Amino acid sequence: METNQLLINYYKKEEVKKAKQRRQEGCTLKEIIRLANKEYISIEEIKQALGIDEDEIEEHQEVEQEEHKVDEYDEIVEDNIENNEQENNVKVVMIAEEKLEDYPNQPFKLYSDDKKREMIESIKINGIMQPLIVRPIGENKYQILAGHNRRNCAKEIGLTELPCIIKENLTDDEAKIYLIDTNLCTRDNISPMERARAYRIKYDTYKKRNIKTSVLEEVRKDNYGMAKAAMIKEEKSSNGTIQRYLRLTYLIPELQSAIDKGKIKINTGEKISFLSKEEQHYIAELLEENIKISDSIAKRIKQKSEKCKIEDIYNNLSKEEIKDIINKKDEYMQEAIKITFYKNEIEKYFENRKTESQIKQYIFEKLEKDRTS
């Protein structure tokens, strides 16, 4: 597909989005047509995109004649709309593929299999509809912040130039945050470990406290519509959820892979992450033996490991000890008996023993004494 056609396709898509947005905001057909950039979209294409037939056009024209009498105020409002449109316009330029460089060590994997084939077919038919976002990094070189998959698929089918939006004056840390937030907000099916590594990068970067621009706002503006719902969801992630993902980065590679394959749940992985590397390797070996580890089992292993380290921090559970905890899961599933006592009924029998554990221990001591006497 020719370079000019790629740009025309992109701008036409943007004009369609703007037309639909203006209609939702209550603009008349006449206003929508006037504000559209006719260089990239025709009046007929606007009508088709909005699903407007000839009868509806006549109705619009009658309403406009009666209700939309232009006065000084209307002219001011319309000027403001045009000014806002100019401010929101983003310049797209074509950049040679060999001038683009991938962002190093970014946490998101490239598409493969069906997802990759689907993107390749889409590019063959429509071209690259969503431009890559890049930043200049040297003499005629640009680093990709968003669009690694688009570049990879385009390269495979032989495209030599790609549409790009250039982000100027981003520091290294700001570029890092821009890359992370854009991918978190626009990608589908992010794996648990991709998300965990992304959160780790954000966390470590924000700790430096040297990000001067509101990168989140830039991401929102540059990905408006496509990213809006995902951005809201991302912003509402609880601190507990984020901390849980951060803990996954302390897992050894074998267990991180098990998380992505669904062999271990995220909550389970969080508990295992507190174990030593040696203990984690034992668990990885047990998983290879098709032994399943539930969240409750992981909790017991963690508790046993912590007790083991009270005497010596270098003490580790052995593989057999971990296996023994897993095999004895039925012992922890015994039926509990609950008996309710009211405070005024029992306090006179327990002297200074006030807590539940103290009272429970005292009862067992008395019962044991009666049993052996």
Protein backbone atom coordinates (compact mmCIF):
# COMPACT_ATOMS: atom_id res chain seq x y z
CA MET A 1 0.00 0.00 0.00
CA GLU A 2 1.40 3.41 -0.97
CA THR A 3 2.58 5.88 1.66
CA ASN A 4 0.01 8.54 0.74
CA GLN A 5 -2.82 6.01 0.91
CA LEU A 6 -1.75 4.96 4.41
CA LEU A 7 -1.98 8.53 5.61
CA ILE A 8 -5.28 9.14 3.82
CA ASN A 9 -6.77 6.01 5.42
CA TYR A 10 -5.65 7.13 8.84
CA TYR A 11 -6.97 10.68 8.52
CA LYS A 12 -10.25 9.45 7.02
CA LYS A 13 -10.74 7.16 10.02
CA GLU A 14 -10.06 10.10 12.36
CA GLU A 15 -12.61 12.27 10.53
CA VAL A 16 -15.24 9.54 10.85
CA LYS A 17 -14.57 9.31 14.62
CA LYS A 18 -14.85 13.09 14.95
CA ALA A 19 -18.10 13.18 12.99
CA LYS A 20 -19.69 10.50 15.17
CA GLN A 21 -18.48 12.26 18.32
CA ARG A 22 -19.93 15.58 17.17
CA ARG A 23 -23.28 13.97 16.44
CA GLN A 24 -23.35 12.47 19.96
CA GLU A 25 -22.65 15.96 21.30
CA GLY A 26 -25.71 17.30 19.48
CA CYS A 27 -24.11 19.06 16.51
CA THR A 28 -26.31 19.48 13.44
CA LEU A 29 -25.43 17.78 10.16
CA LYS A 30 -24.50 21.16 8.72
CA GLU A 31 -22.04 21.79 11.58
CA ILE A 32 -20.57 18.31 11.25
CA ILE A 33 -20.00 18.75 7.52
CA ARG A 34 -18.55 22.25 7.95
CA LEU A 35 -16.07 21.11 10.63
CA ALA A 36 -14.90 18.05 8.69
CA ASN A 37 -11.62 18.16 6.78
CA LYS A 38 -12.82 17.68 3.18
CA GLU A 39 -9.30 16.85 2.06
CA TYR A 40 -9.69 13.39 3.58
CA ILE A 41 -13.44 12.72 3.70
CA SER A 42 -16.29 13.64 1.37
CA ILE A 43 -19.76 14.82 2.36
CA GLU A 44 -21.21 11.56 1.06
CA GLU A 45 -18.79 9.56 3.21
CA ILE A 46 -19.82 11.59 6.28
CA LYS A 47 -23.50 10.90 5.60
CA GLN A 48 -22.75 7.20 5.08
CA ALA A 49 -20.71 7.00 8.29
CA LEU A 50 -23.54 8.62 10.26
CA GLY A 51 -26.21 6.47 8.58
CA ILE A 52 -28.18 9.51 7.34
CA ASP A 53 -30.58 9.04 4.38
CA GLU A 54 -32.01 11.75 2.08
CA ASP A 55 -35.28 12.13 4.04
CA GLU A 56 -33.36 12.75 7.23
CA ILE A 57 -31.16 15.28 5.45
CA GLU A 58 -34.26 17.29 4.45
CA GLU A 59 -35.51 17.21 8.04
CA HIS A 60 -32.09 18.44 9.25
CA GLN A 61 -32.15 21.28 6.74
CA GLU A 62 -35.63 22.40 7.86
CA VAL A 63 -34.61 22.36 11.51
CA GLU A 64 -31.44 24.28 10.71
CA GLN A 65 -33.39 26.99 8.88
CA GLU A 66 -35.78 27.44 11.83
CA GLU A 67 -33.51 26.93 14.81
CA HIS A 68 -29.96 27.69 13.77
CA LYS A 69 -30.01 31.38 12.95
CA VAL A 70 -26.40 32.48 13.18
CA ASP A 71 -25.69 35.47 15.40
CA GLU A 72 -22.55 36.91 16.97
CA TYR A 73 -22.63 34.38 19.84
CA ASP A 74 -22.88 31.42 17.45
CA GLU A 75 -19.89 32.67 15.50
CA ILE A 76 -17.81 32.89 18.67
CA VAL A 77 -18.80 29.34 19.73
CA GLU A 78 -18.05 27.98 16.27
CA ASP A 79 -14.66 29.68 16.24
CA ASN A 80 -13.87 28.05 19.58
CA ILE A 81 -14.85 24.63 18.23
CA GLU A 82 -12.53 25.10 15.27
CA ASN A 83 -9.71 26.25 17.54
CA ASN A 84 -10.18 23.22 19.77
CA GLU A 85 -10.09 20.94 16.75
CA GLN A 86 -6.81 22.48 15.64
CA GLU A 87 -5.33 21.99 19.12
CA ASN A 88 -6.40 18.34 19.18
CA ASN A 89 -5.03 17.57 15.71
CA VAL A 90 -2.00 15.29 15.94
CA LYS A 91 0.55 15.39 13.15
CA VAL A 92 1.26 12.00 11.60
CA VAL A 93 4.46 11.56 9.60
CA MET A 94 5.81 8.64 7.59
CA ILE A 95 9.09 7.23 8.92
CA ALA A 96 11.27 4.63 7.20
CA GLU A 97 11.12 1.26 8.97
CA GLU A 98 14.90 1.02 9.32
CA LYS A 99 14.93 4.24 11.36
CA LEU A 100 12.69 2.70 14.03
CA GLU A 101 14.11 0.91 17.05
CA ASP A 102 12.26 -1.22 19.59
CA TYR A 103 12.19 -0.06 23.20
CA PRO A 104 14.81 -2.19 25.03
CA ASN A 105 13.72 -4.68 27.70
CA GLN A 106 10.07 -3.68 27.57
CA PRO A 107 7.84 -6.13 29.48
CA PHE A 108 5.24 -6.85 26.80
CA LYS A 109 5.60 -9.79 24.41
CA LEU A 110 5.06 -9.50 20.67
CA TYR A 111 1.94 -11.11 19.24
CA SER A 112 2.24 -14.63 17.87
CA ASP A 113 0.08 -17.21 16.09
CA ASP A 114 -3.56 -16.17 15.50
CA LYS A 115 -3.22 -12.67 16.95
CA LYS A 116 -0.25 -11.92 14.70
CA ARG A 117 -1.95 -13.36 11.59
CA GLU A 118 -5.06 -11.31 12.33
CA MET A 119 -3.03 -8.09 12.53
CA ILE A 120 -1.12 -8.89 9.33
CA GLU A 121 -4.36 -9.46 7.41
CA SER A 122 -5.80 -6.20 8.76
CA ILE A 123 -2.70 -4.25 7.66
CA LYS A 124 -2.83 -5.84 4.20
CA ILE A 125 -6.43 -4.68 3.75
CA ASN A 126 -6.54 -1.35 5.61
CA GLY A 127 -2.95 -0.34 6.15
CA ILE A 128 -1.81 0.79 9.61
CA MET A 129 -4.86 2.63 10.91
CA GLN A 130 -3.40 3.53 14.31
CA PRO A 131 0.00 5.28 13.99
CA LEU A 132 2.98 4.19 16.02
CA ILE A 133 4.09 6.54 18.79
CA VAL A 134 7.82 7.21 18.82
CA ARG A 135 10.42 9.58 20.25
CA PRO A 136 13.64 10.81 18.63
CA ILE A 137 16.77 9.23 20.11
CA GLY A 138 19.54 10.37 17.80
CA GLU A 139 20.50 11.15 14.23
CA ASN A 140 17.43 10.10 12.20
CA LYS A 141 16.56 7.37 14.72
CA TYR A 142 13.31 6.91 16.63
CA GLN A 143 12.45 4.68 19.58
CA ILE A 144 9.03 3.00 19.58
CA LEU A 145 6.89 3.73 22.65
CA ALA A 146 3.69 2.18 21.28
CA GLY A 147 3.29 0.00 18.19
CA HIS A 148 5.91 -2.76 18.44
CA ASN A 149 3.43 -5.31 17.06
CA ARG A 150 2.35 -3.02 14.22
CA ARG A 151 5.99 -2.50 13.25
CA ASN A 152 6.73 -6.25 13.48
CA CYS A 153 3.76 -7.24 11.29
CA ALA A 154 4.33 -4.41 8.79
CA LYS A 155 7.97 -5.42 8.44
CA GLU A 156 6.96 -9.01 7.75
CA ILE A 157 4.73 -8.03 4.81
CA GLY A 158 7.32 -5.68 3.36
CA LEU A 159 6.15 -2.18 4.31
CA THR A 160 9.10 0.19 4.22
CA GLU A 161 7.45 3.25 5.82
CA LEU A 162 5.11 3.48 8.79
CA PRO A 163 2.80 6.29 10.02
CA CYS A 164 4.11 7.68 13.33
CA ILE A 165 3.34 10.34 15.92
CA ILE A 166 6.55 11.83 17.28
CA LYS A 167 6.71 12.66 21.00
CA GLU A 168 9.28 15.36 21.64
CA ASN A 169 11.13 16.24 24.85
CA LEU A 170 10.33 13.13 26.91
CA THR A 171 12.97 12.16 29.46
CA ASP A 172 13.98 8.49 29.67
CA ASP A 173 11.77 7.99 32.73
CA GLU A 174 8.82 9.78 31.16
CA ALA A 175 9.20 7.67 28.01
CA LYS A 176 9.24 4.55 30.17
CA ILE A 177 6.00 5.54 31.93
CA TYR A 178 4.42 6.51 28.60
CA LEU A 179 5.23 3.08 27.14
CA ILE A 180 3.92 1.21 30.19
CA ASP A 181 0.67 3.15 30.57
CA THR A 182 -0.14 3.11 26.84
CA ASN A 183 0.28 -0.66 26.65
CA LEU A 184 -1.65 -1.29 29.87
CA CYS A 185 -4.53 0.81 28.55
CA THR A 186 -4.73 -0.39 24.96
CA ARG A 187 -3.57 -4.01 24.88
CA ASP A 188 -5.93 -6.97 25.14
CA ASN A 189 -5.09 -10.11 27.09
CA ILE A 190 -2.07 -8.90 29.03
CA SER A 191 -0.63 -11.90 30.89
CA PRO A 192 -0.29 -11.74 34.70
CA MET A 193 3.51 -11.57 34.53
CA GLU A 194 3.50 -8.88 31.82
CA ARG A 195 1.29 -6.82 34.11
CA ALA A 196 3.49 -7.62 37.12
CA ARG A 197 6.69 -6.53 35.33
CA ALA A 198 4.95 -3.40 34.04
CA TYR A 199 3.85 -2.44 37.55
CA ARG A 200 7.39 -3.09 38.82
CA ILE A 201 8.86 -0.73 36.20
CA LYS A 202 6.27 1.96 37.06
CA TYR A 203 6.89 1.52 40.78
CA ASP A 204 10.68 1.72 40.49
CA THR A 205 10.48 4.69 38.11
CA TYR A 206 8.08 6.71 40.26
CA LYS A 207 10.33 6.15 43.28
CA LYS A 208 12.94 8.34 41.59
CA ARG A 209 10.52 11.30 41.79
CA ASN A 210 11.87 13.00 38.68
CA ILE A 211 8.93 12.77 36.27
CA LYS A 212 8.00 16.36 35.52
CA THR A 213 5.20 16.00 32.97
CA SER A 214 1.79 14.44 33.42
CA VAL A 215 2.47 11.43 31.25
CA LEU A 216 -0.84 9.86 32.20
CA GLU A 217 -2.67 12.83 30.69
CA GLU A 218 -0.63 12.50 27.49
CA VAL A 219 -1.55 8.83 27.26
CA ARG A 220 -5.21 9.70 27.78
CA LYS A 221 -5.14 12.36 25.04
CA ASP A 222 -3.17 10.30 22.53
CA ASN A 223 -5.36 7.22 22.97
CA TYR A 224 -8.72 8.91 23.58
CA GLY A 225 -11.68 6.60 22.99
CA MET A 226 -9.72 3.39 22.54
CA ALA A 227 -8.04 3.70 25.92
CA LYS A 228 -10.67 5.60 27.89
CA ALA A 229 -12.46 2.66 29.54
CA ALA A 230 -9.24 0.77 30.14
CA MET A 231 -7.61 3.87 31.61
CA ILE A 232 -10.42 4.29 34.12
CA LYS A 233 -10.11 0.65 35.12
CA GLU A 234 -6.35 0.99 35.42
CA GLU A 235 -6.62 4.08 37.62
CA LYS A 236 -9.02 2.28 39.98
CA SER A 237 -6.72 -0.69 40.62
CA SER A 238 -6.51 -1.04 44.36
CA ASN A 239 -3.21 -0.72 46.16
CA GLY A 240 -3.60 -4.32 47.34
CA THR A 241 -3.98 -5.58 43.77
CA ILE A 242 -0.91 -3.68 42.60
CA GLN A 243 1.15 -4.92 45.56
CA ARG A 244 0.07 -8.48 44.76
CA TYR A 245 1.33 -8.14 41.19
CA LEU A 246 4.58 -6.56 42.41
CA ARG A 247 5.21 -9.61 44.61
CA LEU A 248 5.07 -11.87 41.54
CA THR A 249 8.31 -10.31 40.29
CA TYR A 250 10.09 -12.02 43.24
CA LEU A 251 9.25 -15.45 41.86
CA ILE A 252 11.90 -17.48 40.06
CA PRO A 253 11.46 -17.67 36.23
CA GLU A 254 9.99 -21.19 36.35
CA LEU A 255 7.21 -20.06 38.69
CA GLN A 256 6.59 -16.87 36.72
CA SER A 257 6.02 -19.10 33.70
CA ALA A 258 3.66 -21.26 35.78
CA ILE A 259 1.66 -18.12 36.64
CA ASP A 260 1.22 -17.23 32.95
CA LYS A 261 0.26 -20.82 32.09
CA GLY A 262 -2.38 -20.86 34.83
CA LYS A 263 -0.71 -23.59 36.88
CA ILE A 264 -0.56 -21.22 39.85
CA LYS A 265 -3.11 -18.54 40.69
CA ILE A 266 -1.98 -14.98 41.36
CA ASN A 267 -2.89 -15.10 45.07
CA THR A 268 -1.01 -18.38 45.43
CA GLY A 269 2.01 -16.96 43.62
CA GLU A 270 2.03 -13.98 45.94
CA LYS A 271 2.41 -16.26 49.01
CA ILE A 272 5.06 -18.41 47.33
CA SER A 273 7.04 -15.27 46.48
CA PHE A 274 7.95 -14.89 50.18
CA LEU A 275 9.81 -18.22 50.13
CA SER A 276 13.54 -18.50 49.51
CA LYS A 277 14.80 -19.20 45.99
CA GLU A 278 15.72 -22.73 47.07
CA GLU A 279 12.20 -23.40 48.38
CA GLN A 280 10.73 -21.93 45.21
CA HIS A 281 12.83 -24.31 43.10
CA TYR A 282 11.43 -27.26 45.09
CA ILE A 283 7.88 -26.06 44.38
CA ALA A 284 8.70 -25.69 40.68
CA GLU A 285 9.92 -29.30 40.65
CA LEU A 286 6.73 -30.48 42.37
CA LEU A 287 4.63 -28.66 39.78
CA GLU A 288 6.53 -30.54 37.06
CA GLU A 289 5.40 -33.73 38.85
CA ASN A 290 1.80 -32.52 38.34
CA ILE A 291 1.33 -31.79 42.04
CA LYS A 292 -1.16 -28.96 42.48
CA ILE A 293 -0.68 -26.19 45.04
CA SER A 294 -3.75 -24.31 46.19
CA ASP A 295 -3.85 -20.93 47.91
CA SER A 296 -4.45 -22.53 51.33
CA ILE A 297 -1.54 -24.95 50.86
CA ALA A 298 0.75 -22.09 49.80
CA LYS A 299 -0.27 -20.24 52.95
CA ARG A 300 0.67 -23.22 55.15
CA ILE A 301 4.01 -23.64 53.36
CA LYS A 302 4.75 -19.95 53.92
CA GLN A 303 3.85 -20.20 57.62
CA LYS A 304 5.99 -23.33 58.07
CA SER A 305 8.91 -21.64 56.29
CA GLU A 306 8.66 -18.58 58.54
CA LYS A 307 8.71 -20.76 61.68
CA CYS A 308 11.71 -22.63 60.28
CA LYS A 309 13.64 -19.37 59.91
CA ILE A 310 12.97 -18.12 63.46
CA GLU A 311 15.96 -20.10 64.78
CA ASP A 312 18.16 -19.47 61.75
CA ILE A 313 17.28 -17.17 58.85
CA TYR A 314 19.19 -19.47 56.49
CA ASN A 315 17.04 -22.49 57.33
CA ASN A 316 14.94 -23.70 54.40
CA LEU A 317 12.22 -26.28 54.08
CA SER A 318 13.33 -29.37 52.20
CA LYS A 319 11.48 -30.68 49.18
CA GLU A 320 10.17 -33.57 51.27
CA GLU A 321 8.91 -31.25 53.99
CA ILE A 322 7.03 -29.18 51.41
CA LYS A 323 5.63 -32.34 49.85
CA ASP A 324 4.56 -33.56 53.29
CA ILE A 325 2.61 -30.32 53.90
CA ILE A 326 0.84 -30.78 50.55
CA ASN A 327 0.02 -34.44 51.23
CA LYS A 328 -1.41 -33.68 54.68
CA LYS A 329 -3.96 -31.20 53.39
CA ASP A 330 -6.83 -33.39 54.63
CA GLU A 331 -5.67 -32.90 58.21
CA TYR A 332 -6.32 -29.19 57.86
CA MET A 333 -9.81 -29.73 56.53
CA GLN A 334 -11.30 -31.30 59.64
CA GLU A 335 -14.76 -30.12 60.59
CA ALA A 336 -14.70 -27.28 63.12
CA ILE A 337 -16.99 -27.32 66.17
CA LYS A 338 -18.26 -23.94 67.25
CA ILE A 339 -19.66 -23.35 70.75
CA THR A 340 -20.75 -19.86 71.75
CA PHE A 341 -20.13 -18.60 75.29
CA TYR A 342 -21.17 -15.17 76.52
CA LYS A 343 -18.70 -13.09 78.46
CA ASN A 344 -20.80 -12.82 81.60
CA GLU A 345 -21.19 -16.59 81.63
CA ILE A 346 -17.50 -17.51 81.66
CA GLU A 347 -15.37 -14.59 82.88
CA LYS A 348 -15.57 -15.67 86.54
CA TYR A 349 -13.98 -19.05 85.64
CA PHE A 350 -10.89 -17.73 83.89
CA GLU A 351 -9.44 -15.21 86.32
CA ASN A 352 -6.99 -12.96 84.38
CA ARG A 353 -7.22 -14.89 81.14
CA LYS A 354 -8.95 -12.53 78.73
CA THR A 355 -7.98 -13.42 75.14
CA GLU A 356 -9.51 -16.25 73.11
CA SER A 357 -6.20 -18.09 72.86
CA GLN A 358 -5.61 -17.85 76.62
CA ILE A 359 -9.09 -19.15 77.41
CA LYS A 360 -8.81 -21.94 74.85
CA GLN A 361 -5.43 -23.02 76.19
CA TYR A 362 -6.76 -23.01 79.78
CA ILE A 363 -9.73 -25.20 78.79
CA PHE A 364 -7.44 -27.76 77.12
CA GLU A 365 -5.11 -27.82 80.12
CA LYS A 366 -8.06 -28.55 82.45
CA LEU A 367 -9.48 -31.22 80.17
CA GLU A 368 -6.12 -32.90 79.80
CA LYS A 369 -5.64 -32.86 83.57
CA ASP A 370 -9.07 -34.44 84.12
CA ARG A 371 -8.38 -37.06 81.46
CA THR A 372 -5.09 -38.19 82.97
CA SER A 373 -6.16 -38.02 86.65
